[in-house]
Protein backbone atom coordinates (compact mmCIF):
# COMPACT_ATOMS: atom_id res chain seq x y z
CA MET A 1 -19.24 -12.10 -9.34
CA VAL A 2 -21.09 -15.01 -7.76
CA SER A 3 -23.01 -13.91 -4.68
CA GLY A 4 -23.65 -15.22 -1.19
CA SER A 5 -23.02 -18.82 -0.23
CA GLU A 6 -22.57 -19.77 -3.89
CA LEU A 7 -19.17 -18.04 -4.00
CA LYS A 8 -16.26 -20.50 -3.92
CA VAL A 9 -12.90 -19.21 -2.70
CA ALA A 10 -9.58 -21.04 -2.56
CA VAL A 11 -6.88 -19.63 -0.27
CA LEU A 12 -3.42 -21.00 -1.01
CA GLY A 13 -1.25 -21.01 2.10
CA LEU A 14 -2.66 -21.45 5.60
CA GLY A 15 -0.07 -19.57 7.60
CA TYR A 16 -0.27 -16.43 9.74
CA ILE A 17 -2.14 -14.54 6.99
CA GLY A 18 -3.77 -17.25 4.90
CA LEU A 19 -5.66 -19.02 7.69
CA PRO A 20 -7.17 -15.87 9.26
CA THR A 21 -8.08 -14.62 5.78
CA ALA A 22 -9.74 -17.91 4.88
CA ALA A 23 -11.68 -17.92 8.15
CA VAL A 24 -12.88 -14.33 7.79
CA ILE A 25 -14.09 -15.01 4.24
CA ALA A 26 -15.79 -18.23 5.37
CA ARG A 27 -17.64 -16.26 8.06
CA THR A 28 -19.45 -14.36 5.27
CA GLY A 29 -21.00 -17.62 4.09
CA ALA A 30 -18.73 -18.22 1.11
CA GLN A 31 -17.47 -21.77 0.58
CA VAL A 32 -13.74 -21.57 1.33
CA LEU A 33 -11.09 -24.16 0.60
CA GLY A 34 -7.77 -23.65 2.34
CA VAL A 35 -4.89 -25.28 0.48
CA ASP A 36 -1.59 -26.05 2.19
CA VAL A 37 1.34 -28.32 1.37
CA THR A 38 1.69 -29.50 4.99
CA PRO A 39 -0.68 -32.40 5.81
CA SER A 40 -0.55 -31.72 9.56
CA VAL A 41 -1.78 -28.16 8.98
CA VAL A 42 -4.65 -29.46 6.83
CA ASP A 43 -5.60 -32.06 9.46
CA THR A 44 -5.48 -29.46 12.24
CA VAL A 45 -7.76 -27.03 10.41
CA ASN A 46 -10.22 -29.74 9.39
CA SER A 47 -10.51 -30.72 13.03
CA GLY A 48 -11.55 -27.15 13.83
CA ARG A 49 -8.28 -26.27 15.53
CA VAL A 50 -5.44 -23.88 14.71
CA HIS A 51 -1.67 -24.31 14.47
CA ILE A 52 -0.77 -20.67 15.08
CA GLU A 53 -1.33 -18.27 17.97
CA GLU A 54 -3.66 -15.38 17.16
CA VAL A 55 -6.32 -13.68 19.24
CA ASP A 56 -9.80 -15.22 18.70
CA LEU A 57 -8.66 -17.25 15.67
CA ASP A 58 -9.31 -20.59 17.34
CA GLY A 59 -12.97 -19.78 18.00
CA LEU A 60 -13.52 -18.43 14.49
CA VAL A 61 -11.93 -21.42 12.77
CA SER A 62 -13.84 -23.85 14.98
CA GLY A 63 -17.10 -22.11 14.08
CA VAL A 64 -16.68 -21.91 10.30
CA VAL A 65 -15.38 -25.48 10.08
CA ALA A 66 -18.39 -26.68 12.10
CA ARG A 67 -20.74 -24.76 9.78
CA GLY A 68 -19.08 -26.30 6.75
CA THR A 69 -17.94 -23.04 5.15
CA LEU A 70 -14.22 -23.77 5.63
CA ARG A 71 -12.33 -26.92 4.87
CA ALA A 72 -8.68 -27.59 4.14
CA SER A 73 -6.86 -29.82 1.68
CA THR A 74 -3.47 -30.44 0.13
CA GLU A 75 -5.21 -30.47 -3.27
CA ILE A 76 -6.67 -27.58 -5.24
CA ALA A 77 -10.27 -27.54 -6.49
CA PRO A 78 -12.15 -25.26 -8.87
CA ALA A 79 -13.18 -21.92 -7.36
CA ASP A 80 -14.38 -18.47 -8.36
CA VAL A 81 -11.65 -16.57 -6.49
CA PHE A 82 -8.11 -17.72 -5.75
CA VAL A 83 -6.15 -15.92 -3.03
CA ILE A 84 -2.39 -16.55 -2.89
CA ALA A 85 -0.97 -16.08 0.62
CA VAL A 86 2.31 -18.00 0.53
CA PRO A 87 5.76 -16.95 1.82
CA THR A 88 8.06 -14.68 -0.19
CA PRO A 89 11.45 -15.00 1.53
CA PHE A 90 14.76 -13.68 0.28
CA LYS A 91 17.79 -15.70 -0.73
CA ASP A 92 21.19 -15.63 0.98
CA ASP A 93 22.20 -12.66 -1.19
CA HIS A 94 19.00 -10.79 -0.22
CA GLU A 95 17.53 -11.35 -3.68
CA PRO A 96 13.77 -11.99 -3.49
CA ASN A 97 12.48 -15.52 -3.90
CA ILE A 98 9.03 -15.70 -5.51
CA GLY A 99 9.22 -19.43 -6.12
CA TYR A 100 6.34 -20.21 -3.74
CA VAL A 101 4.15 -17.66 -5.52
CA LEU A 102 4.83 -19.15 -8.93
CA ARG A 103 4.24 -22.67 -7.62
CA ALA A 104 0.90 -21.50 -6.27
CA ALA A 105 0.08 -20.08 -9.71
CA THR A 106 0.98 -23.44 -11.25
CA THR A 107 -1.44 -25.12 -8.88
CA ILE A 108 -4.21 -22.69 -9.77
CA ALA A 109 -3.61 -23.09 -13.51
CA ALA A 110 -4.83 -26.68 -13.39
CA VAL A 111 -8.38 -25.64 -12.43
CA LEU A 112 -8.59 -22.08 -13.78
CA LYS A 113 -11.67 -21.26 -15.87
CA PRO A 114 -13.14 -18.18 -17.57
CA GLY A 115 -14.60 -15.71 -15.09
CA ASP A 116 -12.20 -16.53 -12.26
CA THR A 117 -10.26 -13.97 -10.22
CA ILE A 118 -6.71 -14.49 -8.95
CA ILE A 119 -5.49 -12.24 -6.14
CA LEU A 120 -1.93 -12.18 -4.86
CA GLU A 121 -1.67 -11.08 -1.21
CA SER A 122 1.91 -12.17 -0.51
CA THR A 123 4.31 -9.24 -0.10
CA SER A 124 6.20 -9.28 -3.37
CA PRO A 125 8.74 -7.39 -5.49
CA VAL A 126 7.32 -4.90 -7.95
CA GLY A 127 6.28 -6.76 -11.09
CA THR A 128 5.42 -10.07 -9.41
CA THR A 129 1.71 -9.88 -10.23
CA GLU A 130 2.61 -9.50 -13.89
CA GLN A 131 4.93 -12.51 -13.57
CA VAL A 132 2.01 -14.50 -12.18
CA ARG A 133 -0.04 -13.42 -15.20
CA ASP A 134 2.71 -14.45 -17.61
CA HIS A 135 3.19 -17.77 -15.82
CA LEU A 136 -0.51 -18.52 -16.08
CA ALA A 137 -0.53 -17.47 -19.72
CA ALA A 138 2.22 -19.98 -20.49
CA LEU A 139 0.41 -22.77 -18.67
CA ARG A 140 -3.07 -21.92 -19.98
CA PRO A 141 -2.75 -20.54 -23.54
CA ASP A 142 -6.46 -21.26 -24.01
CA LEU A 143 -7.35 -18.39 -21.66
CA ARG A 144 -7.09 -14.70 -22.55
CA MET A 145 -5.01 -12.92 -19.91
CA PRO A 146 -5.45 -9.29 -18.78
CA GLY A 147 -3.03 -6.90 -20.40
CA LYS A 148 -2.26 -9.50 -23.06
CA ALA A 149 -5.58 -9.90 -24.85
CA THR A 150 -6.74 -7.38 -27.44
CA ASP A 151 -10.29 -7.77 -26.19
CA GLN A 152 -11.80 -8.59 -22.79
CA ALA A 153 -9.73 -11.05 -20.77
CA ASP A 154 -11.12 -14.35 -19.52
CA VAL A 155 -9.76 -13.95 -15.98
CA ALA A 156 -8.95 -11.10 -13.60
CA ILE A 157 -5.61 -10.81 -11.80
CA ALA A 158 -4.90 -8.35 -8.98
CA TYR A 159 -2.59 -7.61 -6.09
CA CYS A 160 -3.87 -6.73 -2.62
CA PRO A 161 -1.27 -6.87 0.17
CA GLU A 162 -2.19 -7.62 3.73
CA ARG A 163 -1.35 -4.88 6.23
CA VAL A 164 -2.20 -6.40 9.60
CA LEU A 165 -0.56 -6.47 13.01
CA PRO A 166 0.00 -9.86 14.66
CA GLY A 167 -2.25 -10.07 17.69
CA ARG A 168 -4.90 -7.96 15.91
CA ILE A 169 -5.15 -9.80 12.60
CA LEU A 170 -8.86 -10.62 12.67
CA VAL A 171 -9.78 -7.04 13.54
CA GLU A 172 -7.45 -5.44 11.04
CA LEU A 173 -8.36 -7.77 8.17
CA ILE A 174 -11.80 -6.20 8.37
CA ASP A 175 -11.19 -2.64 9.56
CA ASN A 176 -7.96 -1.62 7.81
CA ASP A 177 -8.00 0.14 4.46
CA ARG A 178 -6.95 -2.03 1.51
CA VAL A 179 -4.97 -1.11 -1.59
CA ILE A 180 -6.13 -3.16 -4.58
CA GLY A 181 -3.97 -3.11 -7.68
CA GLY A 182 -5.23 -4.67 -10.88
CA ILE A 183 -3.33 -5.72 -13.98
CA THR A 184 -6.06 -3.66 -15.66
CA PRO A 185 -8.75 -1.36 -14.21
CA ARG A 186 -11.31 -4.09 -14.88
CA CYS A 187 -9.24 -6.52 -12.80
CA ALA A 188 -9.06 -4.00 -9.94
CA ARG A 189 -12.81 -3.51 -9.98
CA LYS A 190 -13.45 -7.25 -9.89
CA ALA A 191 -11.13 -7.70 -6.92
CA LEU A 192 -12.73 -4.67 -5.25
CA GLY A 193 -16.11 -6.39 -5.40
CA PHE A 194 -14.62 -9.41 -3.62
CA TYR A 195 -13.01 -7.42 -0.79
CA ARG A 196 -16.12 -5.35 -0.18
CA ARG A 197 -17.75 -8.57 1.05
CA PHE A 198 -15.72 -8.62 4.25
CA VAL A 199 -13.68 -5.37 4.52
CA ARG A 200 -15.17 -2.37 6.34
CA GLY A 201 -12.15 -0.17 5.72
CA ALA A 202 -11.75 1.87 2.55
CA CYS A 203 -10.78 -0.14 -0.54
CA VAL A 204 -8.71 1.95 -2.95
CA THR A 205 -7.95 0.73 -6.46
CA THR A 206 -4.74 1.35 -8.39
CA THR A 207 -2.32 -0.52 -10.63
CA ALA A 208 -0.71 -3.80 -9.57
CA ARG A 209 2.77 -2.25 -9.62
CA ALA A 210 1.70 0.72 -7.49
CA ALA A 211 0.07 -1.62 -4.95
CA GLU A 212 3.18 -3.80 -4.81
CA MET A 213 5.43 -0.82 -4.20
CA THR A 214 3.03 0.63 -1.63
CA LYS A 215 3.43 -2.44 0.56
CA LEU A 216 7.21 -2.35 0.27
CA ALA A 217 7.25 1.40 0.99
CA GLU A 218 5.18 0.94 4.15
CA ASN A 219 7.57 -1.60 5.62
CA ALA A 220 10.72 0.20 4.48
CA PHE A 221 9.42 3.38 6.13
CA ARG A 222 9.04 1.58 9.44
CA ASP A 223 12.42 -0.10 9.09
CA VAL A 224 14.19 3.21 8.48
CA ASN A 225 12.54 4.78 11.52
CA ILE A 226 13.39 1.83 13.75
CA ALA A 227 16.97 2.02 12.51
CA PHE A 228 17.17 5.63 13.70
CA ALA A 229 16.03 4.56 17.18
CA ASN A 230 18.47 1.65 17.24
CA GLU A 231 21.37 3.81 16.11
CA LEU A 232 20.44 6.46 18.65
CA SER A 233 20.52 3.85 21.43
CA ILE A 234 24.07 2.85 20.48
CA ILE A 235 25.20 6.48 20.44
CA ALA A 236 23.55 7.13 23.82
CA GLN A 237 25.25 4.10 25.35
CA GLY A 238 28.65 5.40 24.32
CA MET A 239 27.91 8.86 25.70
CA GLY A 240 26.57 7.63 29.01
CA VAL A 241 23.05 8.89 28.34
CA ASP A 242 19.74 7.15 29.07
CA VAL A 243 18.29 6.67 25.57
CA TRP A 244 14.78 6.07 26.94
CA GLU A 245 14.86 9.42 28.70
CA VAL A 246 16.09 11.10 25.52
CA ILE A 247 13.30 9.56 23.46
CA ARG A 248 10.66 10.45 26.06
CA LEU A 249 11.76 14.06 26.09
CA ALA A 250 12.28 14.37 22.32
CA ASN A 251 8.80 13.00 21.67
CA ARG A 252 7.33 15.94 23.57
CA HIS A 253 8.14 17.95 20.46
CA PRO A 254 4.88 18.22 18.47
CA ARG A 255 6.49 16.96 15.26
CA VAL A 256 8.82 14.28 16.62
CA ASN A 257 7.86 10.64 17.19
CA ILE A 258 10.95 8.51 17.74
CA LEU A 259 10.19 4.81 17.94
CA SER A 260 11.54 2.44 20.59
CA PRO A 261 14.89 0.72 20.08
CA GLY A 262 15.34 -2.99 20.60
CA PRO A 263 17.64 -5.91 19.80
CA GLY A 264 16.98 -5.67 16.06
CA VAL A 265 14.02 -6.08 13.73
CA GLY A 266 12.24 -9.33 12.93
CA GLY A 267 9.13 -10.79 11.39
CA HIS A 268 8.04 -11.78 7.94
CA CYS A 269 7.66 -8.21 6.66
CA ILE A 270 9.88 -5.44 8.01
CA ALA A 271 13.02 -7.56 8.20
CA VAL A 272 12.51 -8.85 4.65
CA ASP A 273 10.55 -6.49 2.41
CA PRO A 274 12.99 -3.54 2.25
CA TRP A 275 15.49 -5.87 0.57
CA PHE A 276 13.03 -6.22 -2.33
CA LEU A 277 13.39 -2.50 -3.03
CA VAL A 278 17.17 -2.68 -2.67
CA ALA A 279 17.36 -5.63 -5.05
CA ALA A 280 15.27 -3.75 -7.61
CA ASP A 281 17.48 -0.63 -7.65
CA ARG A 282 20.71 -0.97 -5.69
CA ALA A 283 22.13 2.31 -6.98
CA ASN A 284 19.29 4.43 -5.58
CA THR A 285 18.48 2.76 -2.25
CA PRO A 286 21.41 3.65 0.05
CA LEU A 287 19.14 4.79 2.89
CA ILE A 288 16.94 1.69 2.81
CA ARG A 289 19.95 -0.61 2.59
CA THR A 290 21.73 1.17 5.44
CA ALA A 291 18.64 0.93 7.64
CA ARG A 292 18.56 -2.81 7.09
CA GLU A 293 22.25 -3.05 7.97
CA VAL A 294 21.79 -0.93 11.11
CA ASN A 295 18.92 -3.06 12.35
CA ASP A 296 20.69 -6.33 11.61
CA GLY A 297 23.82 -4.93 13.21
CA LYS A 298 21.91 -4.02 16.37
CA THR A 299 21.41 -7.73 16.95
CA ASP A 300 25.19 -8.22 16.91
CA VAL A 301 25.60 -5.33 19.36
CA THR A 302 23.01 -6.92 21.65
CA ILE A 303 24.79 -10.27 21.55
CA ALA A 304 28.10 -8.66 22.44
CA ARG A 305 26.69 -6.67 25.36
CA ALA A 306 24.75 -9.63 26.72
CA ALA A 307 27.85 -11.82 26.47
CA ASP A 308 29.93 -9.24 28.36
CA LEU A 309 27.37 -9.20 31.17
CA ILE A 310 27.21 -12.98 31.37
CA GLU A 311 31.01 -13.23 31.40
CA ALA A 312 31.04 -10.97 34.45
CA THR A 313 28.62 -13.23 36.36
CA THR A 314 28.66 -16.86 37.43
CA GLY A 315 25.04 -17.89 37.97
CA PRO A 316 22.27 -19.05 35.66
CA VAL A 317 20.92 -16.59 33.10
CA ALA A 318 17.30 -16.18 31.98
CA VAL A 319 16.72 -14.95 28.44
CA LEU A 320 13.22 -13.51 28.31
CA GLY A 321 11.53 -13.99 24.94
CA LEU A 322 12.19 -15.53 21.53
CA ALA A 323 9.36 -14.13 19.39
CA PHE A 324 9.93 -11.25 16.99
CA LYS A 325 7.39 -9.07 18.82
CA ALA A 326 5.28 -9.06 21.94
CA ASN A 327 2.46 -11.48 22.71
CA ILE A 328 2.71 -13.73 19.66
CA ASP A 329 4.30 -17.10 18.88
CA ASP A 330 5.94 -16.04 15.61
CA PHE A 331 9.72 -16.53 15.55
CA ARG A 332 10.33 -15.66 11.90
CA GLU A 333 13.47 -13.55 11.45
CA SER A 334 13.37 -12.90 15.20
CA PRO A 335 16.35 -10.96 16.56
CA ALA A 336 15.56 -12.36 20.00
CA LEU A 337 15.95 -15.90 18.67
CA LYS A 338 19.27 -14.97 17.06
CA VAL A 339 20.54 -13.46 20.30
CA ALA A 340 19.42 -16.46 22.35
CA SER A 341 21.00 -18.87 19.89
CA ALA A 342 24.33 -17.05 20.00
CA LEU A 343 24.31 -17.00 23.81
CA VAL A 344 23.50 -20.70 23.99
CA ASP A 345 26.37 -21.44 21.61
CA ARG A 346 28.73 -19.56 23.89
CA PHE A 347 27.41 -20.34 27.37
CA GLY A 348 25.51 -23.60 26.95
CA ALA A 349 23.55 -24.83 29.96
CA ARG A 350 23.89 -21.52 31.80
CA ILE A 351 21.23 -20.12 29.48
CA HIS A 352 17.58 -20.70 30.35
CA ILE A 353 14.87 -19.53 27.96
CA VAL A 354 11.53 -18.05 29.02
CA GLU A 355 9.05 -17.95 26.15
CA PRO A 356 5.40 -18.14 27.26
CA TYR A 357 4.23 -18.61 23.67
CA ALA A 358 6.25 -21.78 23.07
CA ALA A 359 5.58 -25.27 24.39
CA ASP A 360 9.05 -26.41 23.31
CA LEU A 361 12.30 -24.76 22.35
CA PRO A 362 12.89 -24.20 18.63
CA ILE A 363 14.88 -26.96 16.98
CA GLY A 364 18.56 -26.65 17.80
CA LEU A 365 18.40 -24.69 21.03
CA ASP A 366 17.49 -27.70 23.17
CA SER A 367 20.26 -29.85 21.71
CA ARG A 368 22.87 -27.24 22.60
CA GLY A 369 22.14 -27.22 26.32
CA ALA A 370 19.46 -24.56 26.75
CA THR A 371 16.34 -25.30 28.77
CA LEU A 372 12.84 -23.83 28.58
CA ILE A 373 11.54 -22.59 31.92
CA ASP A 374 8.60 -20.47 33.03
CA VAL A 375 8.89 -16.93 34.31
CA ASP A 376 8.40 -17.85 37.96
CA THR A 377 11.21 -20.38 37.82
CA ALA A 378 13.43 -17.79 36.16
CA LEU A 379 12.79 -15.29 38.94
CA GLU A 380 13.48 -17.91 41.61
CA THR A 381 16.65 -19.42 40.12
CA CYS A 382 18.36 -16.96 37.76
CA ASP A 383 20.60 -14.11 38.89
CA THR A 384 20.68 -12.40 35.49
CA LEU A 385 17.72 -11.40 33.30
CA ILE A 386 18.10 -10.47 29.64
CA VAL A 387 14.89 -9.00 28.24
CA LEU A 388 14.58 -9.49 24.47
CA VAL A 389 10.80 -9.35 23.97
CA ASP A 390 8.26 -7.10 25.69
CA HIS A 391 5.62 -9.74 26.38
CA ASP A 392 2.93 -8.52 28.77
CA VAL A 393 3.86 -11.19 31.30
CA PHE A 394 7.38 -9.75 31.50
CA ARG A 395 6.08 -6.20 31.85
CA SER A 396 3.98 -7.35 34.81
CA ILE A 397 6.98 -8.40 36.91
CA PRO A 398 7.18 -5.88 39.77
CA LEU A 399 10.40 -4.23 40.89
CA VAL A 400 10.46 -6.18 44.15
CA GLU A 401 10.91 -9.46 42.23
CA ARG A 402 13.80 -8.23 40.08
CA ALA A 403 15.53 -5.52 42.11
CA ALA A 404 18.39 -7.82 43.13
CA LYS A 405 18.93 -9.17 39.61
CA GLN A 406 21.49 -8.23 37.02
CA VAL A 407 19.31 -6.84 34.21
CA TYR A 408 19.89 -6.15 30.53
CA ASP A 409 16.60 -4.68 29.32
CA THR A 410 16.74 -4.23 25.55
CA ARG A 411 13.08 -3.19 25.33
CA GLY A 412 12.90 -0.53 28.02
CA ILE A 413 10.05 -2.22 29.87
CA TRP A 414 11.62 -1.85 33.32
CA LEU A 415 12.62 1.78 33.51
CA ASP A 416 12.17 1.66 37.27
CA GLN A 417 15.02 -0.85 37.62
CA PRO A 418 17.74 0.41 39.97
CA ALA A 419 21.06 1.09 38.31
CA ASN A 420 22.61 -2.07 39.78
CA THR A 421 23.77 -3.59 36.52
CA PRO A 422 26.96 -1.90 35.36
CA ALA A 423 27.74 -2.31 31.69
CA PRO A 424 31.25 -3.03 30.52
CA SER A 425 31.24 0.58 29.29
CA ILE A 426 29.66 3.58 30.99
CA VAL A 427 26.06 3.20 32.10
CA PRO A 428 23.61 0.47 33.09
CA LEU A 429 22.89 -1.90 30.23
CA ARG A 430 19.19 -1.21 30.49
CA PHE A 431 19.93 2.29 29.20
CA GLY A 432 21.94 1.33 26.17
CA THR A 433 19.83 -1.53 24.80
């Protein structure tokens, strides 16, 4: 592979994974082109700024753009390595949609040359990397593709999923272990050489299919465990038991680690990826499918309990948080956003939103009567607080500022709250989440 500053890398997709990845690679001195279909994203990056919230990303992007190792464009250009980091959503029937991946492959095909490496990082159904190979083969019959050619292939194709935590992406892109799956062992080795340039964690090679399933297994595992916590919280509510106390005590067992319940599961991975396994083998995935249904259903339970509380009050209500997890600005598949939207539909202007990571309300919420306020205004003007996201700023609110409020704490961040908020059922809503 080309070495040092001579290496040219094209990263397709400049979202929450693509932009940090492009910036980290550019920091090594490689010449990186970030390709995105949105002109405003391209303009923002080329100005040395960022369009997403991530710790230290703004400084890194500013630096590599200033040094000339990162630039963005809506057009592809020849490169030595192509990294695909585009969305892989699911359709209304929970069938996976790899259309963006295949469109990215089409874009790459126009400039692909012998010796190039194509790496898919987007979380994908098992077999997607092979579909990328077949798609490229159809578009570029002049090139010998791995697994298709009887002799050495002209290009290398591999799958290497990201496994980073929002808020720690730059650290984990470098420090986390990576699973690199090649269409062939030669492809895996070529991709391994690329990742060793900027990854300090262990890089383990395997087949493309094994790497694809590994990513799906990781997120399905987490989803199943969160579903247990969410189901437990519903059971505890009905029995008049403090679920947070139960979890705290159960986790004192040396082999028990129950996760925290919440209003559901969101994000671009855990709320989506398990469906890829279900779609691939519906007959043998009852546990994974049920976990998805439990976690989606917990959002409906949260909406119902919040609505009951609001019905029993008359004053303004503050909904705390819209993001899918703490301390980020990512609203994809966010259960908090779904809860807030449902409450706005029902209660209109009574609902005030506090989201410190948003300058404006997401499209639709503002037109239905909701207003965006800061946390201090919420504490001064709202009688009811509904906690949907455990942002640090919410955790920092002391008891003295919220003791007189009606509280529905779905995240368990205020366990010192007096039991002054009777649920429509048995115990304070903060206990039942």
